């Protein structure tokens, strides 16, 4: 009777066990149904101790990722008192690591009557694959203490764990163990060593291992090229890519992604030439239809400043994803143009019900800030509230900047005060916003509150603060802030800081002080410095110092009409009509042109609106 039952179970399971590796239960409904039937038969007809049947059933659960069925099998084995051995126990450990249940896997491992290299490697790999890198390293150390010799899979898993925690010293010790073992020439182990060194930043060590390999597959080439690209060695990445092609090895999607990343590291002009060359190679090898490659190309063209090509590629994408759209819109935000294009892409993404993340929203809000699109900015703010109950710090900073640049300082203050987390950029943005809107006292108060909160200002913070003091006549406060920057925070003033300080004195009528400050500066005065002095001299009628400033300005920028126009206006105000005429004659003789001013506003009848979504 038992033999007949055994044969029945084997007959039911054989077609499944002999099938090729499975991907998921959804792709193999027939095998999933057979698994259920086999489990019912096995549970109702206990099999005499035959590890092969239960091992095959558990393997099928692993292949189908059948978490519930695998646990039922384990419970059934415990219930019937099925004796455990290393092979069946190892199979169950692999099942639990696949389910990310490392507690059960570890308990099973501890209860094994005996352990071999396969069971140790199963536990170690489970920890490594599920992100428990330190635990994986501890298992490897314990395994060595037990005197168990590692195999190629053990070394691959433990090196992956070392890579995750950037444990270079322990990785080098493991490399020493590999050199003493029989797996020194194993391709998988050597590729793992190259990956370990490259991701830890030791590219010279990675190349030494790579160069010593008697055989190299595409994975090892990809690991090296990716390492060079990630660490900024774009020339080395291209040289290795060319060497790979000469070896007759064709690149894949991963190769192209890495080499495109290396292409944008050498400046826009040279980077664009490299990206175009790689693009041609992608077309010739037939990879242009792959969405991951098209997305990488869009990002590469954007970072090289060629929005036209990026936009063309994006429109050709069959499956437009959030990543490529974010890359394109970020490019528009950086270039500050093509407002209709970025809005069209964003609306299309929403109509397709694609996920909207904070990076995409921040880029859109930055465009609204640069184009003074308050109406669209408010709509984006509403979307941000809808999708994210609490804004991250980058989103809050973008909203503060947008409201400040569109004239809504009260809304900027409201967003700032409701931010649950702030950084130095948040405080600097608020200081700058108050200064730009004529609230110099509020800017100084914000700076003092920032110091009380424990934030240390940087050079940009002081630049915004000095600008606020300069444009609001706070001479004493501005000078005190400049002294604090130098003495307390040890920040070396740049040309922009001196410009603000000179402008501060000049606007308050302290023209001689501003001139003496320029003379005492340990940096070369710039055109902006003398421009501030010249403008103040025109307001306060200081003819002598105005002529000095104008002479320096003309030496710096001889083709700038503004200096001559301001000088002529100053002469006219003083009644020196001949001198004023001479200054204007210079503009006409040299055919100098003055850039016209312009204003940017949005009509209520032409407001941009985002499409509603469900």
Protein backbone atom coordinates (compact mmCIF):
# COMPACT_ATOMS: atom_id res chain seq x y z
CA UNK A 1 0.00 0.00 0.00
CA UNK A 2 2.80 2.42 0.94
CA UNK A 3 4.70 1.62 -2.24
CA UNK A 4 1.57 2.35 -4.31
CA UNK A 5 1.10 5.70 -2.51
CA UNK A 6 4.73 6.58 -3.11
CA UNK A 7 4.40 5.80 -6.81
CA UNK A 8 1.23 7.94 -7.03
CA UNK A 9 2.93 10.95 -5.52
CA UNK A 10 5.98 10.54 -7.75
CA UNK A 11 3.73 10.25 -10.83
CA UNK A 12 1.93 13.46 -9.88
CA UNK A 13 5.12 15.40 -9.21
CA UNK A 14 7.40 14.16 -12.00
CA UNK A 15 6.00 16.41 -14.79
CA UNK A 16 6.51 19.44 -12.55
CA UNK A 17 9.99 18.56 -11.33
CA UNK A 18 11.20 17.89 -14.87
CA UNK A 19 9.92 21.26 -16.18
CA UNK A 20 12.35 24.16 -16.80
CA UNK A 21 13.01 26.76 -14.07
CA UNK A 22 9.92 28.77 -13.20
CA UNK A 23 9.59 32.54 -12.91
CA UNK A 24 6.30 33.11 -11.09
CA UNK A 25 3.00 31.45 -10.31
CA UNK A 26 1.24 33.91 -12.59
CA UNK A 27 3.32 32.75 -15.58
CA UNK A 28 2.80 29.05 -14.74
CA UNK A 29 -0.80 28.56 -13.54
CA UNK A 30 -0.75 24.92 -14.60
CA UNK A 31 2.27 24.13 -12.41
CA UNK A 32 0.78 26.08 -9.51
CA UNK A 33 -2.37 23.94 -9.74
CA UNK A 34 -0.26 20.78 -9.90
CA UNK A 35 1.62 21.96 -6.81
CA UNK A 36 -1.64 22.29 -4.89
CA UNK A 37 -2.77 18.83 -5.97
CA UNK A 38 0.59 17.32 -5.07
CA UNK A 39 0.46 18.92 -1.61
CA UNK A 40 -3.01 17.54 -0.98
CA UNK A 41 -1.87 14.07 -2.02
CA UNK A 42 1.30 14.22 0.10
CA UNK A 43 -0.54 15.58 3.18
CA UNK A 44 -3.25 12.90 3.06
CA UNK A 45 -0.86 10.06 2.25
CA UNK A 46 2.22 10.39 4.47
CA UNK A 47 5.33 9.24 2.65
CA UNK A 48 7.92 7.09 4.30
CA UNK A 49 11.13 9.02 4.97
CA UNK A 50 12.00 10.11 1.44
CA UNK A 51 13.85 13.41 1.40
CA UNK A 52 13.78 13.71 -2.38
CA UNK A 53 10.00 14.17 -2.63
CA UNK A 54 9.76 16.86 0.06
CA UNK A 55 12.96 18.53 -1.16
CA UNK A 56 11.49 18.76 -4.66
CA UNK A 57 8.21 20.15 -3.32
CA UNK A 58 10.08 22.86 -1.36
CA UNK A 59 12.19 23.66 -4.43
CA UNK A 60 8.99 24.10 -6.40
CA UNK A 61 7.70 26.47 -3.71
CA UNK A 62 10.93 28.45 -4.07
CA UNK A 63 10.61 28.63 -7.86
CA UNK A 64 6.95 29.65 -7.68
CA UNK A 65 7.62 31.98 -4.70
CA UNK A 66 4.77 30.13 -2.99
CA UNK A 67 5.32 31.43 0.55
CA UNK A 68 2.13 30.02 2.06
CA UNK A 69 2.53 26.55 0.56
CA UNK A 70 6.17 26.33 1.64
CA UNK A 71 5.26 27.11 5.25
CA UNK A 72 2.52 24.48 5.08
CA UNK A 73 5.07 21.91 3.94
CA UNK A 74 7.38 22.81 6.83
CA UNK A 75 4.51 22.62 9.35
CA UNK A 76 3.48 19.25 7.91
CA UNK A 77 7.02 17.91 8.33
CA UNK A 78 7.08 19.02 11.97
CA UNK A 79 3.62 17.55 12.62
CA UNK A 80 4.45 14.08 11.26
CA UNK A 81 7.83 14.11 13.00
CA UNK A 82 9.74 13.86 9.75
CA UNK A 83 13.44 13.52 10.60
CA UNK A 84 15.58 16.44 9.47
CA UNK A 85 18.86 16.21 7.63
CA UNK A 86 21.29 18.72 6.15
CA UNK A 87 19.90 18.55 2.61
CA UNK A 88 16.24 19.08 3.51
CA UNK A 89 17.16 21.67 6.16
CA UNK A 90 19.28 23.61 3.68
CA UNK A 91 16.39 23.63 1.20
CA UNK A 92 14.10 25.08 3.88
CA UNK A 93 16.72 27.70 4.79
CA UNK A 94 16.82 28.80 1.16
CA UNK A 95 13.01 28.97 1.12
CA UNK A 96 12.88 31.21 4.20
CA UNK A 97 15.65 33.49 2.95
CA UNK A 98 13.68 33.88 -0.28
CA UNK A 99 10.72 34.96 1.90
CA UNK A 100 12.97 37.43 3.79
CA UNK A 101 12.25 35.54 7.02
CA UNK A 102 15.79 35.41 8.34
CA UNK A 103 14.64 34.60 11.90
CA UNK A 104 13.12 31.27 10.78
CA UNK A 105 16.11 30.59 8.52
CA UNK A 106 18.53 31.14 11.41
CA UNK A 107 16.45 28.96 13.77
CA UNK A 108 16.46 26.15 11.22
CA UNK A 109 20.20 26.50 10.75
CA UNK A 110 20.82 26.27 14.50
CA UNK A 111 18.76 23.05 14.71
CA UNK A 112 20.53 21.24 11.87
CA UNK A 113 22.10 17.98 13.09
CA UNK A 114 25.04 18.63 10.80
CA UNK A 115 26.17 21.48 8.55
CA UNK A 116 28.12 21.59 5.36
CA UNK A 117 29.39 24.36 3.12
CA UNK A 118 26.05 24.47 1.26
CA UNK A 119 24.02 25.15 4.42
CA UNK A 120 26.50 27.78 5.64
CA UNK A 121 26.44 29.44 2.22
CA UNK A 122 22.62 29.35 2.11
CA UNK A 123 22.38 31.29 5.40
CA UNK A 124 25.18 33.69 4.47
CA UNK A 125 23.67 34.40 1.03
CA UNK A 126 20.26 34.95 2.60
CA UNK A 127 21.61 37.60 4.95
CA UNK A 128 23.54 39.26 2.13
CA UNK A 129 20.66 39.29 -0.36
CA UNK A 130 18.18 40.65 2.19
CA UNK A 131 20.41 43.54 3.23
CA UNK A 132 21.80 42.13 6.50
CA UNK A 133 25.41 42.59 5.48
CA UNK A 134 26.97 42.62 8.94
CA UNK A 135 25.15 39.40 9.89
CA UNK A 136 26.43 37.81 6.67
CA UNK A 137 30.01 38.73 7.62
CA UNK A 138 29.47 37.27 11.10
CA UNK A 139 28.27 34.00 9.55
CA UNK A 140 31.40 33.86 7.37
CA UNK A 141 33.66 34.39 10.39
CA UNK A 142 31.81 31.65 12.34
CA UNK A 143 32.06 29.33 9.35
CA UNK A 144 35.83 29.84 9.20
CA UNK A 145 36.11 29.12 12.93
CA UNK A 146 34.22 25.85 12.41
CA UNK A 147 36.85 24.84 9.86
CA UNK A 148 34.44 24.72 6.91
CA UNK A 149 36.05 25.66 3.61
CA UNK A 150 34.20 28.17 1.46
CA UNK A 151 33.21 27.56 -2.15
CA UNK A 152 32.83 29.99 -5.04
CA UNK A 153 29.25 30.88 -4.03
CA UNK A 154 30.33 31.59 -0.45
CA UNK A 155 33.05 33.97 -1.62
CA UNK A 156 30.69 35.73 -4.00
CA UNK A 157 28.09 36.31 -1.27
CA UNK A 158 30.54 37.47 1.41
CA UNK A 159 32.24 39.87 -1.01
CA UNK A 160 28.81 41.29 -1.86
CA UNK A 161 28.25 41.85 1.87
CA UNK A 162 31.64 43.59 2.21
CA UNK A 163 30.69 45.83 -0.71
CA UNK A 164 27.40 46.84 0.93
CA UNK A 165 29.12 48.07 4.12
CA UNK A 166 32.30 49.29 2.33
CA UNK A 167 34.41 47.03 4.55
CA UNK A 168 37.64 47.26 2.57
CA UNK A 169 39.94 45.71 5.17
CA UNK A 170 37.86 42.56 5.66
CA UNK A 171 37.41 42.30 1.90
CA UNK A 172 41.16 42.27 1.45
CA UNK A 173 41.43 39.48 4.02
CA UNK A 174 38.83 37.49 2.11
CA UNK A 175 40.82 38.12 -1.05
CA UNK A 176 43.81 36.59 0.73
CA UNK A 177 41.73 33.50 1.51
CA UNK A 178 40.69 33.29 -2.15
CA UNK A 179 44.31 33.44 -3.30
CA UNK A 180 45.12 30.44 -1.11
CA UNK A 181 42.10 28.48 -2.35
CA UNK A 182 41.40 26.63 -5.59
CA UNK A 183 38.88 29.31 -6.66
CA UNK A 184 41.44 31.97 -7.55
CA UNK A 185 40.80 31.53 -11.27
CA UNK A 186 37.03 31.16 -10.96
CA UNK A 187 35.28 33.69 -13.19
CA UNK A 188 32.42 34.43 -10.75
CA UNK A 189 34.81 34.95 -7.82
CA UNK A 190 37.09 37.22 -9.86
CA UNK A 191 34.11 39.29 -11.04
CA UNK A 192 32.97 39.60 -7.41
CA UNK A 193 36.46 40.83 -6.45
CA UNK A 194 36.43 43.42 -9.25
CA UNK A 195 32.97 44.57 -8.15
CA UNK A 196 34.06 44.78 -4.51
CA UNK A 197 37.15 46.91 -5.18
CA UNK A 198 35.42 49.20 -7.69
CA UNK A 199 32.44 49.93 -5.44
CA UNK A 200 34.77 50.59 -2.51
CA UNK A 201 36.65 53.15 -4.63
CA UNK A 202 39.85 51.14 -5.04
CA UNK A 203 39.89 51.28 -8.83
CA UNK A 204 43.61 50.43 -9.11
CA UNK A 205 43.05 47.20 -7.17
CA UNK A 206 39.97 46.46 -9.27
CA UNK A 207 41.93 46.88 -12.48
CA UNK A 208 44.76 44.65 -11.19
CA UNK A 209 42.29 41.83 -10.59
CA UNK A 210 40.57 42.52 -13.91
CA UNK A 211 43.86 42.53 -15.83
CA UNK A 212 44.94 39.23 -14.25
CA UNK A 213 41.75 37.43 -15.37
CA UNK A 214 42.46 34.75 -17.97
CA UNK A 215 38.84 34.90 -19.08
CA UNK A 216 36.48 37.89 -18.97
CA UNK A 217 32.75 37.86 -19.57
CA UNK A 218 30.43 40.81 -20.18
CA UNK A 219 29.64 41.06 -16.47
CA UNK A 220 33.27 41.70 -15.54
CA UNK A 221 33.64 44.33 -18.28
CA UNK A 222 30.46 46.05 -17.12
CA UNK A 223 31.62 46.10 -13.52
CA UNK A 224 34.88 47.84 -14.44
CA UNK A 225 33.28 50.37 -16.79
CA UNK A 226 30.59 51.13 -14.21
CA UNK A 227 33.21 51.63 -11.50
CA UNK A 228 35.20 54.08 -13.62
CA UNK A 229 32.03 55.97 -14.57
CA UNK A 230 30.74 56.15 -10.98
CA UNK A 231 34.01 57.49 -9.58
CA UNK A 232 34.43 60.10 -12.32
CA UNK A 233 37.19 58.44 -14.38
CA UNK A 234 35.41 59.05 -17.67
CA UNK A 235 38.55 58.72 -19.85
CA UNK A 236 39.38 55.33 -18.32
CA UNK A 237 35.78 54.21 -18.82
CA UNK A 238 35.95 55.09 -22.52
CA UNK A 239 39.34 53.44 -22.99
CA UNK A 240 38.00 50.26 -21.39
CA UNK A 241 34.85 50.44 -23.52
CA UNK A 242 36.96 50.67 -26.68
CA UNK A 243 39.15 47.78 -25.50
CA UNK A 244 36.02 45.69 -24.90
CA UNK A 245 34.76 46.35 -28.43
CA UNK A 246 38.16 45.39 -29.88
CA UNK A 247 37.93 42.12 -27.97
CA UNK A 248 34.75 41.36 -29.91
CA UNK A 249 32.43 41.66 -26.90
CA UNK A 250 29.18 43.46 -27.69
CA UNK A 251 27.79 45.83 -25.04
CA UNK A 252 24.37 45.44 -23.43
CA UNK A 253 21.94 47.87 -21.80
CA UNK A 254 23.99 47.99 -18.59
CA UNK A 255 27.16 48.84 -20.55
CA UNK A 256 25.47 51.69 -22.41
CA UNK A 257 23.97 53.07 -19.20
CA UNK A 258 27.42 53.22 -17.58
CA UNK A 259 29.21 54.70 -20.58
CA UNK A 260 26.52 57.36 -20.99
CA UNK A 261 27.07 58.32 -17.37
CA UNK A 262 30.79 58.63 -18.10
CA UNK A 263 30.09 60.76 -21.19
CA UNK A 264 28.58 63.67 -19.26
CA UNK A 265 31.53 64.05 -16.91
CA UNK A 266 33.87 66.03 -19.16
CA UNK A 267 31.95 69.25 -19.79
CA UNK A 268 28.94 70.00 -21.97
CA UNK A 269 30.68 70.36 -25.33
CA UNK A 270 32.90 67.29 -25.17
CA UNK A 271 30.17 65.38 -23.37
CA UNK A 272 27.67 66.08 -26.15
CA UNK A 273 30.06 64.70 -28.77
CA UNK A 274 30.54 61.51 -26.75
CA UNK A 275 26.81 61.08 -26.14
CA UNK A 276 26.12 61.51 -29.86
CA UNK A 277 28.75 58.87 -30.65
CA UNK A 278 27.27 56.43 -28.13
CA UNK A 279 23.80 57.19 -29.48
CA UNK A 280 24.96 56.14 -32.96
CA UNK A 281 26.37 52.91 -31.54
CA UNK A 282 23.08 52.21 -29.76
CA UNK A 283 21.14 52.67 -33.01
CA UNK A 284 23.48 50.39 -34.96
CA UNK A 285 23.18 47.61 -32.38
CA UNK A 286 19.39 47.93 -32.21
CA UNK A 287 19.08 49.03 -28.57
CA UNK A 288 17.20 52.29 -29.23
CA UNK A 289 13.83 50.61 -28.66
CA UNK A 290 14.76 49.65 -25.09
CA UNK A 291 13.03 52.09 -22.73
CA UNK A 292 15.85 51.97 -20.17
CA UNK A 293 18.37 53.02 -22.83
CA UNK A 294 16.10 55.75 -24.23
CA UNK A 295 15.61 57.13 -20.72
CA UNK A 296 19.37 57.18 -20.14
CA UNK A 297 19.85 58.99 -23.46
CA UNK A 298 17.26 61.61 -22.50
CA UNK A 299 19.06 62.22 -19.22
CA UNK A 300 22.47 62.39 -20.94
CA UNK A 301 21.32 64.92 -23.56
CA UNK A 302 19.69 67.04 -20.85
CA UNK A 303 22.87 67.15 -18.78
CA UNK A 304 24.86 68.08 -21.88
CA UNK A 305 22.50 71.02 -22.51
CA UNK A 306 20.89 69.66 -25.69
CA UNK A 307 17.21 69.89 -24.76
CA UNK A 308 16.12 69.59 -28.41
CA UNK A 309 17.51 66.06 -28.79
CA UNK A 310 16.29 65.09 -25.32
CA UNK A 311 12.79 66.32 -26.12
CA UNK A 312 12.80 64.50 -29.49
CA UNK A 313 13.81 61.21 -27.86
CA UNK A 314 11.29 61.63 -25.08
CA UNK A 315 8.42 62.12 -27.52
CA UNK A 316 9.44 58.91 -29.32
CA UNK A 317 9.28 56.87 -26.10
CA UNK A 318 6.44 54.38 -26.19
CA UNK A 319 6.34 54.04 -22.41
CA UNK A 320 7.04 57.46 -20.95
CA UNK A 321 8.15 56.97 -17.38
CA UNK A 322 8.57 59.35 -14.48
CA UNK A 323 12.38 59.16 -14.47
CA UNK A 324 12.89 60.35 -18.07
CA UNK A 325 10.18 63.01 -17.66
CA UNK A 326 11.83 64.27 -14.47
CA UNK A 327 15.21 64.45 -16.23
CA UNK A 328 13.71 66.49 -19.08
CA UNK A 329 11.77 68.88 -16.84
CA UNK A 330 14.86 69.35 -14.64
CA UNK A 331 16.71 70.39 -17.79
CA UNK A 332 14.02 72.95 -18.59
CA UNK A 333 14.25 74.27 -15.03
CA UNK A 334 18.02 74.61 -15.35
CA UNK A 335 17.89 76.34 -18.74
CA UNK A 336 14.90 78.51 -17.84
CA UNK A 337 13.06 78.26 -21.15
CA UNK A 338 10.46 76.29 -23.15
CA UNK A 339 7.68 76.72 -20.59
CA UNK A 340 5.01 75.26 -22.88
CA UNK A 341 7.08 72.09 -23.43
CA UNK A 342 7.67 71.33 -19.76
CA UNK A 343 4.02 71.91 -18.92
CA UNK A 344 2.91 69.66 -21.77
CA UNK A 345 5.13 66.81 -20.56
CA UNK A 346 3.98 67.18 -16.96
CA UNK A 347 0.31 67.18 -17.93
CA UNK A 348 0.85 64.13 -20.13
CA UNK A 349 2.44 62.28 -17.23
CA UNK A 350 -0.55 63.09 -15.03
CA UNK A 351 -3.04 61.99 -17.69
CA UNK A 352 -1.24 58.64 -17.84
CA UNK A 353 -1.66 58.38 -14.03
CA UNK A 354 2.08 58.02 -13.53
CA UNK A 355 3.39 58.51 -10.02
CA UNK A 356 4.41 62.10 -9.21
CA UNK A 357 7.36 62.27 -6.85
CA UNK A 358 8.92 65.17 -4.95
CA UNK A 359 11.86 65.52 -7.37
CA UNK A 360 9.53 66.14 -10.31
CA UNK A 361 7.38 68.55 -8.31
CA UNK A 362 10.45 70.47 -7.09
CA UNK A 363 11.66 70.90 -10.67
CA UNK A 364 8.25 72.17 -11.76
CA UNK A 365 8.07 74.59 -8.83
CA UNK A 366 11.56 75.90 -9.62
CA UNK A 367 10.42 76.66 -13.18
CA UNK A 368 7.40 78.52 -11.78
CA UNK A 369 9.75 80.56 -9.58
CA UNK A 370 11.99 81.51 -12.53
CA UNK A 371 9.05 82.40 -14.80
CA UNK A 372 6.89 84.11 -12.15
CA UNK A 373 4.03 81.65 -12.79
CA UNK A 374 2.19 82.10 -9.51
CA UNK A 375 -1.07 80.47 -10.63
CA UNK A 376 0.67 77.29 -11.80
CA UNK A 377 2.84 77.31 -8.69
CA UNK A 378 -0.24 77.32 -6.46
CA UNK A 379 -1.69 74.38 -8.37
CA UNK A 380 1.56 72.46 -7.93
CA UNK A 381 1.50 73.30 -4.23
CA UNK A 382 -1.98 71.76 -4.05
CA UNK A 383 -0.74 68.63 -5.83
CA UNK A 384 2.15 68.40 -3.37
CA UNK A 385 -0.28 68.55 -0.44
CA UNK A 386 -2.48 65.90 -2.07
CA UNK A 387 0.30 63.40 -2.71
CA UNK A 388 2.45 64.17 0.34
CA UNK A 389 0.84 65.03 3.65
CA UNK A 390 4.18 66.29 4.97
CA UNK A 391 6.64 68.02 2.65
CA UNK A 392 10.29 67.06 2.67
CA UNK A 393 12.85 69.79 3.17
CA UNK A 394 13.62 70.15 -0.56
CA UNK A 395 9.95 70.64 -1.39
CA UNK A 396 9.56 73.24 1.35
CA UNK A 397 12.63 75.13 0.11
CA UNK A 398 11.30 75.13 -3.47
CA UNK A 399 7.92 76.49 -2.33
CA UNK A 400 9.53 79.23 -0.24
CA UNK A 401 11.65 80.27 -3.21
CA UNK A 402 8.68 80.18 -5.60
CA UNK A 403 6.41 82.32 -3.44
CA UNK A 404 9.21 84.78 -2.70
CA UNK A 405 10.11 85.24 -6.37
CA UNK A 406 6.46 85.69 -7.38
CA UNK A 407 5.93 88.44 -4.80
CA UNK A 408 3.95 86.46 -2.21
CA UNK A 409 6.22 86.94 0.79
CA UNK A 410 3.45 86.13 3.29
CA UNK A 411 2.85 82.75 1.64
CA UNK A 412 6.59 82.12 1.66
CA UNK A 413 6.64 82.82 5.40
CA UNK A 414 3.66 80.53 5.93
CA UNK A 415 5.33 77.63 4.12
CA UNK A 416 8.58 78.23 6.01
CA UNK A 417 6.94 78.23 9.44
CA UNK A 418 5.01 75.02 8.68
CA UNK A 419 8.12 73.10 7.60
CA UNK A 420 8.70 70.23 10.02
CA UNK A 421 12.36 70.08 9.04
CA UNK A 422 14.64 72.93 7.98
CA UNK A 423 18.23 73.12 6.79
CA UNK A 424 20.63 75.96 6.07
CA UNK A 425 19.14 76.37 2.59
CA UNK A 426 15.69 76.93 4.13
CA UNK A 427 16.93 79.69 6.41
CA UNK A 428 19.02 81.30 3.67
CA UNK A 429 16.04 81.31 1.30
CA UNK A 430 13.89 83.02 3.91
CA UNK A 431 16.57 85.62 4.66
CA UNK A 432 16.94 86.32 0.94
CA UNK A 433 13.15 86.54 0.47
CA UNK A 434 12.76 89.08 3.28
CA UNK A 435 15.64 91.15 1.96
CA UNK A 436 14.27 91.20 -1.60
CA UNK A 437 10.87 92.39 -0.36
CA UNK A 438 12.22 95.30 1.67
CA UNK A 439 12.02 93.53 5.02
CA UNK A 440 15.59 94.02 6.14
CA UNK A 441 14.74 93.94 9.85
CA UNK A 442 12.91 90.63 9.39
CA UNK A 443 15.92 89.25 7.51
CA UNK A 444 18.25 90.13 10.39
CA UNK A 445 15.75 88.70 12.89
CA UNK A 446 15.53 85.49 10.85
CA UNK A 447 19.33 85.23 10.88
CA UNK A 448 19.48 85.59 14.66
CA UNK A 449 16.77 82.98 15.11
CA UNK A 450 18.68 80.64 12.84
CA UNK A 451 21.75 80.99 15.05
CA UNK A 452 19.64 80.27 18.14
CA UNK A 453 18.34 77.09 16.46
CA UNK A 454 21.95 75.87 16.15
CA UNK A 455 22.39 76.25 12.39
CA UNK A 456 25.80 77.48 11.23
CA UNK A 457 25.57 79.98 8.36
CA UNK A 458 27.67 79.63 5.22
CA UNK A 459 28.99 82.20 2.76
CA UNK A 460 25.70 82.22 0.79
CA UNK A 461 23.76 82.96 3.98
CA UNK A 462 25.92 85.99 4.71
CA UNK A 463 25.69 87.14 1.10
CA UNK A 464 21.88 87.12 1.34
CA UNK A 465 22.04 88.90 4.70
CA UNK A 466 24.40 91.61 3.44
CA UNK A 467 22.17 92.10 0.39
CA UNK A 468 19.16 92.55 2.69
CA UNK A 469 21.01 95.08 4.86
CA UNK A 470 22.30 96.93 1.80
CA UNK A 471 18.89 97.33 0.14
CA UNK A 472 17.20 98.40 3.37
CA UNK A 473 19.72 100.93 4.71
CA UNK A 474 20.81 98.84 7.70
CA UNK A 475 24.41 100.02 7.70
CA UNK A 476 25.31 99.14 11.30
CA UNK A 477 23.65 95.71 11.12
CA UNK A 478 25.36 94.94 7.82
CA UNK A 479 28.80 95.88 9.11
CA UNK A 480 28.23 93.79 12.25
CA UNK A 481 27.22 90.79 10.12
CA UNK A 482 30.35 91.17 7.98
CA UNK A 483 32.56 91.24 11.08
CA UNK A 484 30.79 88.18 12.50
CA UNK A 485 31.29 86.31 9.23
CA UNK A 486 35.04 86.92 9.32
CA UNK A 487 35.78 86.71 13.04
CA UNK A 488 33.29 84.20 14.42
CA UNK A 489 32.70 81.87 11.49
CA UNK A 490 36.13 82.25 9.83
CA UNK A 491 34.60 82.65 6.35
CA UNK A 492 36.92 84.32 3.83
CA UNK A 493 34.98 87.10 2.05
CA UNK A 494 34.57 86.77 -1.69
CA UNK A 495 34.17 89.49 -4.29
CA UNK A 496 30.38 89.33 -3.90
CA UNK A 497 30.57 89.99 -0.14
CA UNK A 498 32.73 93.04 -0.66
CA UNK A 499 30.36 94.26 -3.36
CA UNK A 500 27.44 94.08 -0.94
CA UNK A 501 29.43 95.84 1.77
CA UNK A 502 30.54 98.62 -0.58
CA UNK A 503 26.97 98.95 -1.81
CA UNK A 504 25.81 99.10 1.81
CA UNK A 505 28.05 102.11 2.55
CA UNK A 506 27.33 103.75 -0.79
CA UNK A 507 23.53 103.54 -0.45
CA UNK A 508 23.68 105.04 3.04
CA UNK A 509 25.73 108.00 1.74
CA UNK A 510 29.04 106.89 3.26
CA UNK A 511 30.84 107.28 -0.06
CA UNK A 512 34.30 107.93 1.35
CA UNK A 513 34.03 104.85 3.57
CA UNK A 514 33.10 102.72 0.57
CA UNK A 515 36.06 104.07 -1.41
CA UNK A 516 38.48 103.45 1.46
CA UNK A 517 37.10 99.92 1.81
CA UNK A 518 37.82 99.24 -1.86
CA UNK A 519 41.35 100.51 -1.45
CA UNK A 520 41.97 98.29 1.60
CA UNK A 521 40.49 95.12 0.13
CA UNK A 522 42.86 92.19 -0.38
CA UNK A 523 41.13 91.27 -3.67
CA UNK A 524 41.01 93.03 -7.01
CA UNK A 525 37.94 95.31 -7.27
CA UNK A 526 35.40 94.24 -9.88
CA UNK A 527 33.04 96.14 -12.17
CA UNK A 528 30.12 95.52 -9.81
CA UNK A 529 32.01 97.24 -6.97
CA UNK A 530 32.69 100.39 -8.95
CA UNK A 531 29.17 100.27 -10.39
CA UNK A 532 27.73 100.45 -6.86
CA UNK A 533 29.94 103.44 -6.06
CA UNK A 534 29.06 105.22 -9.32
CA UNK A 535 25.32 104.77 -8.76
CA UNK A 536 25.58 106.16 -5.23
CA UNK A 537 27.70 109.09 -6.42
CA UNK A 538 24.96 110.01 -8.89
CA UNK A 539 22.35 109.96 -6.10
CA UNK A 540 24.43 111.99 -3.63
CA UNK A 541 26.14 114.22 -6.20
CA UNK A 542 29.74 113.30 -5.37
CA UNK A 543 31.36 114.40 -8.61
CA UNK A 544 34.99 113.65 -7.77
CA UNK A 545 34.46 110.07 -6.57
CA UNK A 546 31.95 109.49 -9.37
CA UNK A 547 34.57 110.31 -11.99
CA UNK A 548 37.04 107.94 -10.30
CA UNK A 549 34.47 105.14 -10.28
CA UNK A 550 33.50 105.82 -13.91
CA UNK A 551 37.15 105.70 -15.01
CA UNK A 552 37.64 102.31 -13.38
CA UNK A 553 34.38 101.05 -14.84
CA UNK A 554 35.39 102.11 -18.35
CA UNK A 555 38.67 100.24 -17.94
CA UNK A 556 36.82 97.09 -16.85
CA UNK A 557 34.00 97.27 -19.39
CA UNK A 558 34.84 99.74 -22.18
CA UNK A 559 31.88 98.62 -24.30
CA UNK A 560 29.27 98.92 -21.55
CA UNK A 561 26.98 101.88 -22.25
CA UNK A 562 25.56 102.00 -18.71
CA UNK A 563 28.68 103.57 -17.19
CA UNK A 564 28.64 106.46 -19.68
CA UNK A 565 24.90 107.00 -19.31
CA UNK A 566 25.12 107.19 -15.50
CA UNK A 567 28.12 109.52 -15.73
CA UNK A 568 26.27 111.77 -18.18
CA UNK A 569 23.24 111.86 -15.86
CA UNK A 570 25.48 112.86 -12.95
CA UNK A 571 27.05 115.67 -15.00
CA UNK A 572 23.61 116.91 -16.05
CA UNK A 573 22.38 117.00 -12.45
CA UNK A 574 25.41 119.15 -11.56
CA UNK A 575 24.83 121.49 -14.52
CA UNK A 576 27.97 120.40 -16.37
CA UNK A 577 26.28 120.18 -19.76
CA UNK A 578 29.44 120.03 -21.83
CA UNK A 579 30.78 117.07 -19.83
CA UNK A 580 27.41 115.35 -20.07
CA UNK A 581 27.38 115.82 -23.85
CA UNK A 582 30.89 114.40 -24.13
CA UNK A 583 29.86 111.28 -22.17
CA UNK A 584 26.84 110.73 -24.43
CA UNK A 585 28.99 111.31 -27.54
CA UNK A 586 31.16 108.36 -26.50
CA UNK A 587 28.07 106.13 -26.53
CA UNK A 588 27.10 107.30 -30.02
CA UNK A 589 30.64 107.25 -31.44
CA UNK A 590 31.30 103.70 -30.24
CA UNK A 591 27.72 102.65 -31.13
CA UNK A 592 27.17 101.24 -27.71
CA UNK A 593 23.74 99.86 -26.87
CA UNK A 594 22.04 99.61 -23.51
CA UNK A 595 20.04 96.47 -22.78
CA UNK A 596 16.39 97.46 -22.37
CA UNK A 597 14.58 96.57 -19.18
CA UNK A 598 11.53 94.33 -19.23
CA UNK A 599 8.78 93.14 -16.91
CA UNK A 600 7.25 89.68 -16.64
CA UNK A 601 3.65 89.23 -15.61
CA UNK A 602 0.80 86.79 -16.06
CA UNK A 603 -2.63 87.89 -17.19
CA UNK A 604 -5.68 86.57 -15.37
CA UNK A 605 -7.17 85.71 -18.77
CA UNK A 606 -4.21 83.54 -19.71
CA UNK A 607 -3.69 81.44 -16.58
CA UNK A 608 -2.13 78.02 -16.94
CA UNK A 609 -4.23 75.17 -15.57
CA UNK A 610 -3.30 71.56 -14.94
CA UNK A 611 -5.73 68.85 -16.07
CA UNK A 612 -7.76 67.20 -13.30
CA UNK A 613 -6.97 63.61 -12.39
CA UNK A 614 -8.98 60.98 -10.67
